[in-house]
C-alpha atoms as a PDB file:
ATOM      1  CA  UNK A   1     149.582 216.201 194.827  1.00  0.00           C
ATOM      2  CA  UNK A   2     149.991 216.646 191.023  1.00  0.00           C
ATOM      3  CA  UNK A   3     151.420 219.678 189.763  1.00  0.00           C
ATOM      4  CA  UNK A   4     151.234 220.850 186.125  1.00  0.00           C
ATOM      5  CA  UNK A   5     153.060 223.894 185.050  1.00  0.00           C
ATOM      6  CA  UNK A   6     152.800 224.972 181.877  1.00  0.00           C
ATOM      7  CA  UNK A   7     155.559 227.526 181.059  1.00  0.00           C
ATOM      8  CA  UNK A   8     159.298 227.436 181.660  1.00  0.00           C
ATOM      9  CA  UNK A   9     159.939 230.384 182.194  1.00  0.00           C
ATOM     10  CA  UNK A  10     162.415 231.570 185.236  1.00  0.00           C
ATOM     11  CA  UNK A  11     159.119 232.262 187.353  1.00  0.00           C
ATOM     12  CA  UNK A  12     157.649 228.226 185.794  1.00  0.00           C
ATOM     13  CA  UNK A  13     160.903 226.799 186.202  1.00  0.00           C
ATOM     14  CA  UNK A  14     161.114 229.137 189.692  1.00  0.00           C
ATOM     15  CA  UNK A  15     158.013 226.733 190.705  1.00  0.00           C
ATOM     16  CA  UNK A  16     159.087 223.430 189.715  1.00  0.00           C
ATOM     17  CA  UNK A  17     161.710 223.928 191.951  1.00  0.00           C
ATOM     18  CA  UNK A  18     159.457 225.033 194.776  1.00  0.00           C
ATOM     19  CA  UNK A  19     156.963 222.148 194.295  1.00  0.00           C
ATOM     20  CA  UNK A  20     159.625 219.266 194.166  1.00  0.00           C
ATOM     21  CA  UNK A  21     161.096 220.522 196.981  1.00  0.00           C
ATOM     22  CA  UNK A  22     157.737 220.416 199.022  1.00  0.00           C
ATOM     23  CA  UNK A  23     157.430 216.241 197.837  1.00  0.00           C
ATOM     24  CA  UNK A  24     154.659 216.947 195.416  1.00  0.00           C
ATOM     25  CA  UNK A  25     154.547 215.585 192.130  1.00  0.00           C
ATOM     26  CA  UNK A  26     155.603 218.075 189.289  1.00  0.00           C
ATOM     27  CA  UNK A  27     154.985 217.804 185.062  1.00  0.00           C
ATOM     28  CA  UNK A  28     156.731 220.787 183.393  1.00  0.00           C
ATOM     29  CA  UNK A  29     155.337 221.635 179.808  1.00  0.00           C
ATOM     30  CA  UNK A  30     157.646 223.944 178.129  1.00  0.00           C
ATOM     31  CA  UNK A  31     156.132 225.888 174.949  1.00  0.00           C
ATOM     32  CA  UNK A  32     158.399 224.723 172.526  1.00  0.00           C
ATOM     33  CA  UNK A  33     159.295 220.894 172.062  1.00  0.00           C
ATOM     34  CA  UNK A  34     163.517 222.105 171.409  1.00  0.00           C
ATOM     35  CA  UNK A  35     163.157 223.443 175.093  1.00  0.00           C
ATOM     36  CA  UNK A  36     161.526 220.196 176.034  1.00  0.00           C
ATOM     37  CA  UNK A  37     164.206 218.052 175.075  1.00  0.00           C
ATOM     38  CA  UNK A  38     167.069 220.588 176.435  1.00  0.00           C
ATOM     39  CA  UNK A  39     165.457 220.941 179.961  1.00  0.00           C
ATOM     40  CA  UNK A  40     165.467 217.147 180.190  1.00  0.00           C
ATOM     41  CA  UNK A  41     168.621 216.031 178.679  1.00  0.00           C
ATOM     42  CA  UNK A  42     170.442 219.036 181.068  1.00  0.00           C
ATOM     43  CA  UNK A  43     168.334 219.328 184.042  1.00  0.00           C
ATOM     44  CA  UNK A  44     169.173 223.170 184.102  1.00  0.00           C
ATOM     45  CA  UNK A  45     167.379 225.740 182.135  1.00  0.00           C
ATOM     46  CA  UNK A  46     169.975 227.752 180.995  1.00  0.00           C
ATOM     47  CA  UNK A  47     167.624 230.189 178.551  1.00  0.00           C
ATOM     48  CA  UNK A  48     165.577 231.981 181.712  1.00  0.00           C
ATOM     49  CA  UNK A  49     167.331 230.621 185.138  1.00  0.00           C
ATOM     50  CA  UNK A  50     170.647 229.458 184.383  1.00  0.00           C
ATOM     51  CA  UNK A  51     172.582 227.517 187.882  1.00  0.00           C
ATOM     52  CA  UNK A  52     169.250 226.115 189.341  1.00  0.00           C
ATOM     53  CA  UNK A  53     169.350 222.277 188.266  1.00  0.00           C
ATOM     54  CA  UNK A  54     166.465 220.488 187.823  1.00  0.00           C
ATOM     55  CA  UNK A  55     165.303 217.391 190.352  1.00  0.00           C
ATOM     56  CA  UNK A  56     165.470 214.465 189.068  1.00  0.00           C
ATOM     57  CA  UNK A  57     161.833 213.809 190.126  1.00  0.00           C
ATOM     58  CA  UNK A  58     160.295 216.914 187.906  1.00  0.00           C
ATOM     59  CA  UNK A  59     158.822 215.522 184.470  1.00  0.00           C
ATOM     60  CA  UNK A  60     158.785 216.991 181.527  1.00  0.00           C
ATOM     61  CA  UNK A  61     156.481 216.907 178.847  1.00  0.00           C
ATOM     62  CA  UNK A  62     156.304 217.170 175.435  1.00  0.00           C
ATOM     63  CA  UNK A  63     152.409 217.147 174.951  1.00  0.00           C
ATOM     64  CA  UNK A  64     149.784 218.806 177.139  1.00  0.00           C
ATOM     65  CA  UNK A  65     147.221 215.943 177.074  1.00  0.00           C
ATOM     66  CA  UNK A  66     149.233 213.325 178.630  1.00  0.00           C
ATOM     67  CA  UNK A  67     150.582 215.860 181.387  1.00  0.00           C
ATOM     68  CA  UNK A  68     146.776 216.861 182.374  1.00  0.00           C
ATOM     69  CA  UNK A  69     145.878 213.235 182.427  1.00  0.00           C
ATOM     70  CA  UNK A  70     146.708 212.795 186.264  1.00  0.00           C
ATOM     71  CA  UNK A  71     146.536 216.566 187.268  1.00  0.00           C
ATOM     72  CA  UNK A  72     144.842 217.913 190.711  1.00  0.00           C
ATOM     73  CA  UNK A  73     146.744 221.851 190.387  1.00  0.00           C
ATOM     74  CA  UNK A  74     147.521 223.397 186.985  1.00  0.00           C
ATOM     75  CA  UNK A  75     150.021 226.119 187.004  1.00  0.00           C
ATOM     76  CA  UNK A  76     149.909 229.024 183.899  1.00  0.00           C
ATOM     77  CA  UNK A  77     152.945 230.391 183.578  1.00  0.00           C
ATOM     78  CA  UNK A  78     153.047 232.091 180.173  1.00  0.00           C
ATOM     79  CA  UNK A  79     152.970 235.773 180.052  1.00  0.00           C
ATOM     80  CA  UNK A  80     150.095 237.613 179.419  1.00  0.00           C
ATOM     81  CA  UNK A  81     150.234 238.136 175.620  1.00  0.00           C
ATOM     82  CA  UNK A  82     150.677 233.926 175.371  1.00  0.00           C
ATOM     83  CA  UNK A  83     147.410 233.456 177.674  1.00  0.00           C
ATOM     84  CA  UNK A  84     145.177 233.311 174.738  1.00  0.00           C
ATOM     85  CA  UNK A  85     147.163 230.682 172.454  1.00  0.00           C
ATOM     86  CA  UNK A  86     147.768 228.717 175.556  1.00  0.00           C
ATOM     87  CA  UNK A  87     144.201 228.032 176.803  1.00  0.00           C
ATOM     88  CA  UNK A  88     142.725 227.353 173.012  1.00  0.00           C
ATOM     89  CA  UNK A  89     145.359 224.636 173.128  1.00  0.00           C
ATOM     90  CA  UNK A  90     144.749 223.281 177.113  1.00  0.00           C
ATOM     91  CA  UNK A  91     141.054 223.832 177.536  1.00  0.00           C
ATOM     92  CA  UNK A  92     139.288 220.894 176.146  1.00  0.00           C
ATOM     93  CA  UNK A  93     141.677 218.401 178.276  1.00  0.00           C
ATOM     94  CA  UNK A  94     141.449 220.653 180.988  1.00  0.00           C
ATOM     95  CA  UNK A  95     137.472 220.797 181.008  1.00  0.00           C
ATOM     96  CA  UNK A  96     137.928 216.939 180.588  1.00  0.00           C
ATOM     97  CA  UNK A  97     140.424 216.617 183.855  1.00  0.00           C
ATOM     98  CA  UNK A  98     140.390 215.808 187.402  1.00  0.00           C
ATOM     99  CA  UNK A  99     142.129 218.979 188.547  1.00  0.00           C
ATOM    100  CA  UNK A 100     140.658 220.264 191.154  1.00  0.00           C
ATOM    101  CA  UNK A 101     142.051 223.883 190.636  1.00  0.00           C
ATOM    102  CA  UNK A 102     143.865 226.213 188.007  1.00  0.00           C
ATOM    103  CA  UNK A 103     146.561 228.808 189.071  1.00  0.00           C
ATOM    104  CA  UNK A 104     147.307 231.804 187.532  1.00  0.00           C
ATOM    105  CA  UNK A 105     151.099 232.623 187.405  1.00  0.00           C
ATOM    106  CA  UNK A 106     150.243 235.365 184.715  1.00  0.00           C
ATOM    107  CA  UNK A 107     150.347 239.444 185.727  1.00  0.00           C
ATOM    108  CA  UNK A 108     149.379 241.061 182.577  1.00  0.00           C
ATOM    109  CA  UNK A 109     145.382 241.702 181.097  1.00  0.00           C
ATOM    110  CA  UNK A 110     144.785 240.947 177.106  1.00  0.00           C
ATOM    111  CA  UNK A 111     145.076 243.208 175.312  1.00  0.00           C
ATOM    112  CA  UNK A 112     141.701 242.707 173.029  1.00  0.00           C
ATOM    113  CA  UNK A 113     139.397 242.366 175.818  1.00  0.00           C
ATOM    114  CA  UNK A 114     141.109 243.777 179.299  1.00  0.00           C
ATOM    115  CA  UNK A 115     140.081 240.639 180.647  1.00  0.00           C
ATOM    116  CA  UNK A 116     142.026 239.335 183.707  1.00  0.00           C
ATOM    117  CA  UNK A 117     144.306 236.067 183.007  1.00  0.00           C
ATOM    118  CA  UNK A 118     141.610 234.306 185.477  1.00  0.00           C
ATOM    119  CA  UNK A 119     138.796 235.769 183.838  1.00  0.00           C
ATOM    120  CA  UNK A 120     139.890 234.049 180.304  1.00  0.00           C
ATOM    121  CA  UNK A 121     140.863 230.713 182.228  1.00  0.00           C
ATOM    122  CA  UNK A 122     137.565 230.796 183.632  1.00  0.00           C
ATOM    123  CA  UNK A 123     136.067 230.878 180.328  1.00  0.00           C
ATOM    124  CA  UNK A 124     138.436 228.008 178.599  1.00  0.00           C
ATOM    125  CA  UNK A 125     137.978 225.475 181.582  1.00  0.00           C
ATOM    126  CA  UNK A 126     134.671 226.054 182.324  1.00  0.00           C
ATOM    127  CA  UNK A 127     133.431 224.544 186.723  1.00  0.00           C
ATOM    128  CA  UNK A 128     137.064 224.264 187.607  1.00  0.00           C
ATOM    129  CA  UNK A 129     138.172 226.596 190.022  1.00  0.00           C
ATOM    130  CA  UNK A 130     140.787 229.272 189.405  1.00  0.00           C
ATOM    131  CA  UNK A 131     142.964 231.332 191.459  1.00  0.00           C
ATOM    132  CA  UNK A 132     145.955 233.321 191.392  1.00  0.00           C
ATOM    133  CA  UNK A 133     149.192 232.777 193.321  1.00  0.00           C
ATOM    134  CA  UNK A 134     151.153 236.508 193.185  1.00  0.00           C
ATOM    135  CA  UNK A 135     153.593 238.860 195.494  1.00  0.00           C
ATOM    136  CA  UNK A 136     156.915 239.852 195.701  1.00  0.00           C
ATOM    137  CA  UNK A 137     158.941 236.703 194.081  1.00  0.00           C
ATOM    138  CA  UNK A 138     162.096 236.804 192.214  1.00  0.00           C
ATOM    139  CA  UNK A 139     162.405 233.845 190.602  1.00  0.00           C
ATOM    140  CA  UNK A 140     165.829 232.863 191.322  1.00  0.00           C
ATOM    141  CA  UNK A 141     165.433 233.364 195.079  1.00  0.00           C
ATOM    142  CA  UNK A 142     162.509 231.062 195.257  1.00  0.00           C
ATOM    143  CA  UNK A 143     164.547 228.572 193.135  1.00  0.00           C
ATOM    144  CA  UNK A 144     167.255 229.305 195.839  1.00  0.00           C
ATOM    145  CA  UNK A 145     164.980 228.460 198.865  1.00  0.00           C
ATOM    146  CA  UNK A 146     164.817 231.838 200.320  1.00  0.00           C
ATOM    147  CA  UNK A 147     162.105 233.076 202.275  1.00  0.00           C
ATOM    148  CA  UNK A 148     159.370 234.277 200.269  1.00  0.00           C
ATOM    149  CA  UNK A 149     155.800 235.099 200.953  1.00  0.00           C
ATOM    150  CA  UNK A 150     152.939 235.071 198.395  1.00  0.00           C
ATOM    151  CA  UNK A 151     148.766 235.885 198.374  1.00  0.00           C
ATOM    152  CA  UNK A 152     146.350 232.532 196.915  1.00  0.00           C
ATOM    153  CA  UNK A 153     143.507 234.312 195.963  1.00  0.00           C
ATOM    154  CA  UNK A 154     140.149 233.080 194.545  1.00  0.00           C
ATOM    155  CA  UNK A 155     136.368 233.788 194.346  1.00  0.00           C
ATOM    156  CA  UNK A 156     135.455 231.864 197.370  1.00  0.00           C
ATOM    157  CA  UNK A 157     138.775 230.996 199.890  1.00  0.00           C
ATOM    158  CA  UNK A 158     137.112 227.861 201.059  1.00  0.00           C
ATOM    159  CA  UNK A 159     138.539 224.402 201.375  1.00  0.00           C
ATOM    160  CA  UNK A 160     140.301 223.617 197.599  1.00  0.00           C
ATOM    161  CA  UNK A 161     141.764 226.805 197.948  1.00  0.00           C
ATOM    162  CA  UNK A 162     143.103 225.801 201.563  1.00  0.00           C
ATOM    163  CA  UNK A 163     144.303 222.378 199.990  1.00  0.00           C
ATOM    164  CA  UNK A 164     146.398 224.471 197.566  1.00  0.00           C
ATOM    165  CA  UNK A 165     147.419 226.514 199.906  1.00  0.00           C
ATOM    166  CA  UNK A 166     148.892 223.616 202.247  1.00  0.00           C
ATOM    167  CA  UNK A 167     150.119 222.238 198.652  1.00  0.00           C
ATOM    168  CA  UNK A 168     152.190 225.114 197.787  1.00  0.00           C
ATOM    169  CA  UNK A 169     153.097 226.255 201.155  1.00  0.00           C
ATOM    170  CA  UNK A 170     156.371 225.602 203.356  1.00  0.00           C
ATOM    171  CA  UNK A 171     159.293 226.232 205.320  1.00  0.00           C
ATOM    172  CA  UNK A 172     160.209 228.648 202.431  1.00  0.00           C
ATOM    173  CA  UNK A 173     157.654 230.298 200.904  1.00  0.00           C
ATOM    174  CA  UNK A 174     154.117 230.825 202.577  1.00  0.00           C
ATOM    175  CA  UNK A 175     150.838 231.644 200.816  1.00  0.00           C
ATOM    176  CA  UNK A 176     148.007 233.148 202.746  1.00  0.00           C
ATOM    177  CA  UNK A 177     144.867 232.973 200.842  1.00  0.00           C
ATOM    178  CA  UNK A 178     142.681 235.855 200.093  1.00  0.00           C
ATOM    179  CA  UNK A 179     138.208 235.699 198.274  1.00  0.00           C
ATOM    180  CA  UNK A 180     139.977 239.853 196.505  1.00  0.00           C
ATOM    181  CA  UNK A 181     140.520 238.063 193.553  1.00  0.00           C
ATOM    182  CA  UNK A 182     140.097 241.118 191.059  1.00  0.00           C
ATOM    183  CA  UNK A 183     142.244 242.772 193.271  1.00  0.00           C
ATOM    184  CA  UNK A 184     145.338 240.785 193.552  1.00  0.00           C
ATOM    185  CA  UNK A 185     145.507 240.320 190.258  1.00  0.00           C
ATOM    186  CA  UNK A 186     144.995 244.368 189.496  1.00  0.00           C
ATOM    187  CA  UNK A 187     147.616 245.184 192.058  1.00  0.00           C
ATOM    188  CA  UNK A 188     150.475 242.688 190.178  1.00  0.00           C
ATOM    189  CA  UNK A 189     149.847 244.286 186.771  1.00  0.00           C
ATOM    190  CA  UNK A 190     149.981 247.496 188.017  1.00  0.00           C
ATOM    191  CA  UNK A 191     153.146 247.176 190.122  1.00  0.00           C
ATOM    192  CA  UNK A 192     154.862 246.656 186.874  1.00  0.00           C
ATOM    193  CA  UNK A 193     153.921 249.588 185.380  1.00  0.00           C
ATOM    194  CA  UNK A 194     154.726 252.095 188.386  1.00  0.00           C
ATOM    195  CA  UNK A 195     158.724 249.681 188.211  1.00  0.00           C
ATOM    196  CA  UNK A 196     158.669 250.943 185.320  1.00  0.00           C
ATOM    197  CA  UNK A 197     158.450 254.963 186.885  1.00  0.00           C
ATOM    198  CA  UNK A 198     160.914 254.101 189.588  1.00  0.00           C
ATOM    199  CA  UNK A 199     163.504 252.545 186.905  1.00  0.00           C
ATOM    200  CA  UNK A 200     162.775 256.013 185.244  1.00  0.00           C
ATOM    201  CA  UNK A 201     163.818 258.031 188.652  1.00  0.00           C
ATOM    202  CA  UNK A 202     167.192 255.667 189.120  1.00  0.00           C
ATOM    203  CA  UNK A 203     168.114 256.328 185.171  1.00  0.00           C
ATOM    204  CA  UNK A 204     167.474 259.746 185.371  1.00  0.00           C
ATOM    205  CA  UNK A 205     168.930 260.051 188.502  1.00  0.00           C
ATOM    206  CA  UNK A 206     166.610 261.752 190.804  1.00  0.00           C
ATOM    207  CA  UNK A 207     167.119 260.724 193.806  1.00  0.00           C
ATOM    208  CA  UNK A 208     165.996 258.896 196.945  1.00  0.00           C
ATOM    209  CA  UNK A 209     162.931 261.266 197.181  1.00  0.00           C
ATOM    210  CA  UNK A 210     161.454 261.613 193.922  1.00  0.00           C
ATOM    211  CA  UNK A 211     161.433 257.469 193.683  1.00  0.00           C
ATOM    212  CA  UNK A 212     159.545 257.708 197.499  1.00  0.00           C
ATOM    213  CA  UNK A 213     157.137 259.972 196.038  1.00  0.00           C
ATOM    214  CA  UNK A 214     156.218 258.178 193.055  1.00  0.00           C
ATOM    215  CA  UNK A 215     155.821 254.863 194.697  1.00  0.00           C
ATOM    216  CA  UNK A 216     153.908 257.040 197.686  1.00  0.00           C
ATOM    217  CA  UNK A 217     151.903 258.347 195.016  1.00  0.00           C
ATOM    218  CA  UNK A 218     151.593 255.051 192.501  1.00  0.00           C
ATOM    219  CA  UNK A 219     150.519 253.698 195.420  1.00  0.00           C
ATOM    220  CA  UNK A 220     147.223 256.082 195.656  1.00  0.00           C
ATOM    221  CA  UNK A 221     146.444 255.130 192.058  1.00  0.00           C
ATOM    222  CA  UNK A 222     146.883 251.685 192.323  1.00  0.00           C
ATOM    223  CA  UNK A 223     144.055 251.838 194.843  1.00  0.00           C
ATOM    224  CA  UNK A 224     142.038 254.156 193.136  1.00  0.00           C
ATOM    225  CA  UNK A 225     142.257 252.104 189.487  1.00  0.00           C
ATOM    226  CA  UNK A 226     142.175 248.414 191.118  1.00  0.00           C
ATOM    227  CA  UNK A 227     138.973 249.963 193.277  1.00  0.00           C
ATOM    228  CA  UNK A 228     137.109 250.614 190.708  1.00  0.00           C
ATOM    229  CA  UNK A 229     138.099 247.770 188.549  1.00  0.00           C
ATOM    230  CA  UNK A 230     136.142 245.494 192.018  1.00  0.00           C
ATOM    231  CA  UNK A 231     139.295 245.103 193.737  1.00  0.00           C
ATOM    232  CA  UNK A 232     139.491 246.220 197.800  1.00  0.00           C
ATOM    233  CA  UNK A 233     141.721 249.092 199.001  1.00  0.00           C
ATOM    234  CA  UNK A 234     143.174 246.754 201.821  1.00  0.00           C
ATOM    235  CA  UNK A 235     144.579 244.432 199.252  1.00  0.00           C
ATOM    236  CA  UNK A 236     146.759 246.989 197.666  1.00  0.00           C
ATOM    237  CA  UNK A 237     148.479 247.325 201.077  1.00  0.00           C
ATOM    238  CA  UNK A 238     148.869 243.530 200.984  1.00  0.00           C
ATOM    239  CA  UNK A 239     151.402 241.408 199.449  1.00  0.00           C
ATOM    240  CA  UNK A 240     149.741 241.339 195.987  1.00  0.00           C
ATOM    241  CA  UNK A 241     149.814 245.039 196.135  1.00  0.00           C
ATOM    242  CA  UNK A 242     152.663 247.364 198.242  1.00  0.00           C
ATOM    243  CA  UNK A 243     154.687 244.124 198.586  1.00  0.00           C
ATOM    244  CA  UNK A 244     155.230 243.319 194.787  1.00  0.00           C
ATOM    245  CA  UNK A 245     155.650 246.742 194.039  1.00  0.00           C
ATOM    246  CA  UNK A 246     158.455 247.544 196.434  1.00  0.00           C
ATOM    247  CA  UNK A 247     160.114 243.976 195.493  1.00  0.00           C
ATOM    248  CA  UNK A 248     159.680 245.094 192.028  1.00  0.00           C
ATOM    249  CA  UNK A 249     160.779 248.323 192.193  1.00  0.00           C
ATOM    250  CA  UNK A 250     164.023 248.372 194.052  1.00  0.00           C
ATOM    251  CA  UNK A 251     164.836 244.709 192.614  1.00  0.00           C
ATOM    252  CA  UNK A 252     168.163 244.566 190.427  1.00  0.00           C
ATOM    253  CA  UNK A 253     166.887 241.721 188.961  1.00  0.00           C
ATOM    254  CA  UNK A 254     163.591 242.982 187.742  1.00  0.00           C
ATOM    255  CA  UNK A 255     163.285 244.014 184.229  1.00  0.00           C
ATOM    256  CA  UNK A 256     160.307 246.676 184.690  1.00  0.00           C
ATOM    257  CA  UNK A 257     162.752 248.704 186.591  1.00  0.00           C
ATOM    258  CA  UNK A 258     165.655 248.043 184.504  1.00  0.00           C
ATOM    259  CA  UNK A 259     163.156 249.303 181.805  1.00  0.00           C
ATOM    260  CA  UNK A 260     162.862 252.688 183.016  1.00  0.00           C
ATOM    261  CA  UNK A 261     166.515 252.847 183.773  1.00  0.00           C
ATOM    262  CA  UNK A 262     167.512 252.314 180.310  1.00  0.00           C
ATOM    263  CA  UNK A 263     164.791 254.163 178.859  1.00  0.00           C
ATOM    264  CA  UNK A 264     166.036 257.160 180.932  1.00  0.00           C
ATOM    265  CA  UNK A 265     169.374 256.933 179.015  1.00  0.00           C
ATOM    266  CA  UNK A 266     168.252 256.069 175.411  1.00  0.00           C
ATOM    267  CA  UNK A 267     164.051 255.749 174.616  1.00  0.00           C
ATOM    268  CA  UNK A 268     164.386 255.162 171.145  1.00  0.00           C
ATOM    269  CA  UNK A 269     166.586 252.082 171.003  1.00  0.00           C
ATOM    270  CA  UNK A 270     165.164 251.035 174.067  1.00  0.00           C
ATOM    271  CA  UNK A 271     161.835 250.828 173.028  1.00  0.00           C
ATOM    272  CA  UNK A 272     163.171 249.211 169.480  1.00  0.00           C
ATOM    273  CA  UNK A 273     164.552 246.382 171.297  1.00  0.00           C
ATOM    274  CA  UNK A 274     161.444 245.383 172.888  1.00  0.00           C
ATOM    275  CA  UNK A 275     160.196 243.411 170.118  1.00  0.00           C
ATOM    276  CA  UNK A 276     163.585 241.204 170.087  1.00  0.00           C
ATOM    277  CA  UNK A 277     163.574 240.355 173.996  1.00  0.00           C
ATOM    278  CA  UNK A 278     163.634 237.157 174.708  1.00  0.00           C
ATOM    279  CA  UNK A 279     162.238 237.758 177.985  1.00  0.00           C
ATOM    280  CA  UNK A 280     158.430 239.329 178.377  1.00  0.00           C
ATOM    281  CA  UNK A 281     159.048 242.729 180.185  1.00  0.00           C
ATOM    282  CA  UNK A 282     154.914 243.234 181.191  1.00  0.00           C
ATOM    283  CA  UNK A 283     155.339 246.593 182.140  1.00  0.00           C
ATOM    284  CA  UNK A 284     154.959 247.829 179.074  1.00  0.00           C
ATOM    285  CA  UNK A 285     151.925 246.452 177.717  1.00  0.00           C
ATOM    286  CA  UNK A 286     150.418 246.698 180.778  1.00  0.00           C
ATOM    287  CA  UNK A 287     150.618 250.759 180.475  1.00  0.00           C
ATOM    288  CA  UNK A 288     148.814 250.777 177.532  1.00  0.00           C
ATOM    289  CA  UNK A 289     145.791 248.453 178.756  1.00  0.00           C
ATOM    290  CA  UNK A 290     145.433 249.931 182.242  1.00  0.00           C
ATOM    291  CA  UNK A 291     145.452 253.590 180.668  1.00  0.00           C
ATOM    292  CA  UNK A 292     142.590 252.343 178.263  1.00  0.00           C
ATOM    293  CA  UNK A 293     140.919 251.368 181.703  1.00  0.00           C
ATOM    294  CA  UNK A 294     141.564 253.750 183.808  1.00  0.00           C
ATOM    295  CA  UNK A 295     139.944 256.624 181.304  1.00  0.00           C
ATOM    296  CA  UNK A 296     137.105 254.436 180.431  1.00  0.00           C
ATOM    297  CA  UNK A 297     136.387 254.255 184.051  1.00  0.00           C
ATOM    298  CA  UNK A 298     137.121 258.051 184.642  1.00  0.00           C
ATOM    299  CA  UNK A 299     139.985 257.096 187.322  1.00  0.00           C
ATOM    300  CA  UNK A 300     142.678 259.958 187.403  1.00  0.00           C
ATOM    301  CA  UNK A 301     146.229 258.249 187.376  1.00  0.00           C
ATOM    302  CA  UNK A 302     148.570 261.186 186.734  1.00  0.00           C
ATOM    303  CA  UNK A 303     151.927 259.289 186.923  1.00  0.00           C
ATOM    304  CA  UNK A 304     150.267 255.810 184.504  1.00  0.00           C
ATOM    305  CA  UNK A 305     149.154 258.359 181.984  1.00  0.00           C
ATOM    306  CA  UNK A 306     152.561 259.901 182.191  1.00  0.00           C
ATOM    307  CA  UNK A 307     153.992 256.934 181.753  1.00  0.00           C
ATOM    308  CA  UNK A 308     151.825 256.129 178.528  1.00  0.00           C
ATOM    309  CA  UNK A 309     153.210 259.527 177.054  1.00  0.00           C
ATOM    310  CA  UNK A 310     156.906 258.079 177.517  1.00  0.00           C
ATOM    311  CA  UNK A 311     156.468 254.675 176.484  1.00  0.00           C
ATOM    312  CA  UNK A 312     153.701 255.126 173.512  1.00  0.00           C
ATOM    313  CA  UNK A 313     153.933 258.553 172.195  1.00  0.00           C
ATOM    314  CA  UNK A 314     157.455 259.448 172.379  1.00  0.00           C
ATOM    315  CA  UNK A 315     157.430 262.215 175.844  1.00  0.00           C
ATOM    316  CA  UNK A 316     160.463 262.737 177.247  1.00  0.00           C
ATOM    317  CA  UNK A 317     161.172 261.158 180.614  1.00  0.00           C
ATOM    318  CA  UNK A 318     162.923 264.643 181.825  1.00  0.00           C
ATOM    319  CA  UNK A 319     159.967 267.006 180.535  1.00  0.00           C
ATOM    320  CA  UNK A 320     157.201 263.982 181.766  1.00  0.00           C
ATOM    321  CA  UNK A 321     158.809 264.648 185.698  1.00  0.00           C
ATOM    322  CA  UNK A 322     158.386 268.323 184.963  1.00  0.00           C
ATOM    323  CA  UNK A 323     154.479 267.460 183.835  1.00  0.00           C
ATOM    324  CA  UNK A 324     154.009 265.646 186.906  1.00  0.00           C
ATOM    325  CA  UNK A 325     155.519 268.331 189.129  1.00  0.00           C
ATOM    326  CA  UNK A 326     154.241 271.232 188.319  1.00  0.00           C
ATOM    327  CA  UNK A 327     150.894 269.831 187.872  1.00  0.00           C
ATOM    328  CA  UNK A 328     148.207 272.266 190.199  1.00  0.00           C
ATOM    329  CA  UNK A 329     148.926 272.148 193.580  1.00  0.00           C
ATOM    330  CA  UNK A 330     145.765 269.814 196.123  1.00  0.00           C
ATOM    331  CA  UNK A 331     145.880 268.029 199.110  1.00  0.00           C
ATOM    332  CA  UNK A 332     147.552 264.961 199.302  1.00  0.00           C
ATOM    333  CA  UNK A 333     144.100 263.262 200.434  1.00  0.00           C
END
């Protein structure tokens, strides 16, 4: 398969390394020309994934048009906030290509329209089928070839999806298919939010009991909101839901968990520094968009709403914990 990856952050680079290891033809297209030239000369992404060499077979694309000429599968690995600009740039070329599928590696919602990545992609790409690849997937571990299991979701679990599943899968990465595209995308967005909450528990030194309670109740909120947005309950009990949540909430590498930990220690300085970070922390933006959606749909999500108050309205993290612990008593179910 001829695979083209737009976005040379950690995850896009890791996927390029993995697909090349699988024997696929891979072209990696960075957003910036100077980054592309650096990758082509050094064969290492020192900005986002240092220590992992790019195989000589991985081509570095300088322009979208030539890269897409013979593309079979297109992967989009940019931060969610950069997706609309990328789609405007490559949309016409993708529509004219012979690609069988475009796969989102993005996790987040558009802040203006509240649309999921594949919904934006479908608008930009016309008849080309769209899918998402999600689940517990630390980029460095994928690049190293450590065992990873993900879920590849599209509206239809058909022959095209299974063809892409086979191209992605191998001895170190196993992809399951799903027809719950909405559920998998919403799960991948929500887990970043609740990983921030897990980091707050770590930063406040609340202990294992508190972190387990937050994540258990967070999973309930994920299912409630996910179903309200068109997903299926069982999806959130799989790799795209609780699996991704566990990895992101506990991993020392998790930017979202680390953000929560830092906010617990110094909220103002941490939030002020977000605008200057090189790597996106998707949980921050997702908290705002998902809070809007939850309130629009009338979904009760107290942990989500508490995190929104902490991130956007200056609520003291310790006071937020107290507010959650003193809510009206009720049955767990």
